[in-house]
């Protein structure tokens, strides 16, 4: 049974509802996009600051994720991924505002 569960998880089939585990976002891609957008807007921003902020938010989320009720987790996941981005900072901010 363990081998089957491992095989399913490796094939991308979650074994638990998505909201029961912290989402996995591509921080590097997000930060490249944000940095390029900032440069195009004339804002001098370094992608490494974005990566640092996103990583810190991800670590904070990892420590509180299962203590937050399912409803706010699901709502904030949707909000954090709207607009084409996937941001741990947005997810954390949403959860903090949800109370």
Protein backbone atom coordinates (compact mmCIF):
# COMPACT_ATOMS: atom_id res chain seq x y z
CA UNK A 1 0.00 0.00 0.00
CA UNK A 2 2.83 2.42 0.78
CA UNK A 3 4.37 1.88 -2.66
CA UNK A 4 1.05 2.69 -4.33
CA UNK A 5 0.68 5.86 -2.28
CA UNK A 6 4.21 6.90 -3.16
CA UNK A 7 3.58 6.20 -6.84
CA UNK A 8 0.42 8.31 -6.81
CA UNK A 9 2.17 11.20 -5.07
CA UNK A 10 5.02 11.07 -7.58
CA UNK A 11 2.53 11.17 -10.43
CA UNK A 12 1.15 14.43 -9.09
CA UNK A 13 -1.97 13.05 -7.49
CA UNK A 14 -2.27 14.59 -4.03
CA UNK A 15 -3.10 12.16 -1.28
CA UNK A 16 -4.66 14.89 0.84
CA UNK A 17 -6.94 17.75 -0.12
CA UNK A 18 -4.96 20.61 -1.61
CA UNK A 19 -5.85 22.94 1.25
CA UNK A 20 -4.35 20.52 3.80
CA UNK A 21 -0.86 21.19 2.49
CA UNK A 22 0.92 24.41 1.77
CA UNK A 23 0.74 25.17 -1.95
CA UNK A 24 3.95 24.98 -3.95
CA UNK A 25 4.69 28.14 -5.89
CA UNK A 26 7.50 28.87 -8.34
CA UNK A 27 9.10 31.76 -6.45
CA UNK A 28 11.92 32.21 -8.97
CA UNK A 29 9.48 32.63 -11.87
CA UNK A 30 7.32 35.05 -9.90
CA UNK A 31 10.31 37.15 -8.91
CA UNK A 32 11.70 37.22 -12.45
CA UNK A 33 8.33 38.47 -13.67
CA UNK A 34 8.02 41.08 -10.88
CA UNK A 35 11.57 42.30 -11.44
CA UNK A 36 11.05 42.61 -15.21
CA UNK A 37 7.75 44.42 -14.66
CA UNK A 38 9.35 46.80 -12.15
CA UNK A 39 12.23 47.58 -14.51
CA UNK A 40 9.78 48.25 -17.36
CA UNK A 41 7.93 50.65 -15.05
CA UNK A 42 11.15 52.46 -14.14
CA UNK A 43 11.30 51.03 -10.62
CA UNK A 44 14.73 49.78 -9.64
CA UNK A 45 14.04 46.49 -7.87
CA UNK A 46 16.27 43.50 -7.32
CA UNK A 47 14.78 40.03 -7.81
CA UNK A 48 16.82 38.76 -4.85
CA UNK A 49 14.72 40.91 -2.47
CA UNK A 50 11.58 39.34 -3.91
CA UNK A 51 12.99 35.84 -3.46
CA UNK A 52 13.99 36.66 0.12
CA UNK A 53 10.51 38.01 0.94
CA UNK A 54 8.74 35.05 -0.68
CA UNK A 55 10.98 32.53 1.08
CA UNK A 56 10.41 34.17 4.47
CA UNK A 57 6.64 34.16 3.89
CA UNK A 58 6.76 30.50 2.82
CA UNK A 59 8.60 29.56 6.02
CA UNK A 60 6.10 31.48 8.14
CA UNK A 61 3.20 29.82 6.35
CA UNK A 62 4.71 26.36 6.84
CA UNK A 63 4.64 26.88 10.60
CA UNK A 64 1.00 28.05 10.77
CA UNK A 65 -0.72 26.41 7.78
CA UNK A 66 -2.62 23.65 9.58
CA UNK A 67 -3.63 25.96 12.44
CA UNK A 68 -5.65 28.14 10.05
CA UNK A 69 -9.24 27.00 9.36
CA UNK A 70 -9.91 25.44 5.95
CA UNK A 71 -12.23 28.20 4.71
CA UNK A 72 -9.68 31.04 4.96
CA UNK A 73 -6.92 28.79 3.57
CA UNK A 74 -8.97 27.99 0.47
CA UNK A 75 -10.14 31.58 -0.04
CA UNK A 76 -6.64 32.96 0.37
CA UNK A 77 -5.15 30.33 -1.97
CA UNK A 78 -7.56 31.51 -4.67
CA UNK A 79 -6.72 35.16 -3.99
CA UNK A 80 -2.96 34.53 -3.91
CA UNK A 81 -3.06 32.89 -7.33
CA UNK A 82 -5.41 35.34 -9.03
CA UNK A 83 -3.97 37.67 -11.60
CA UNK A 84 -1.52 35.10 -12.91
CA UNK A 85 0.90 35.18 -9.98
CA UNK A 86 1.46 32.77 -7.14
CA UNK A 87 2.77 34.62 -4.12
CA UNK A 88 3.47 33.35 -0.60
CA UNK A 89 3.58 36.99 0.54
CA UNK A 90 0.04 37.53 -0.80
CA UNK A 91 -1.12 34.27 0.77
CA UNK A 92 0.35 35.16 4.16
CA UNK A 93 -1.06 38.69 4.04
CA UNK A 94 -4.51 37.35 3.19
CA UNK A 95 -4.43 34.87 6.07
CA UNK A 96 -3.26 37.57 8.48
CA UNK A 97 -6.09 39.84 7.39
CA UNK A 98 -8.59 36.99 7.71
CA UNK A 99 -7.68 36.91 11.35
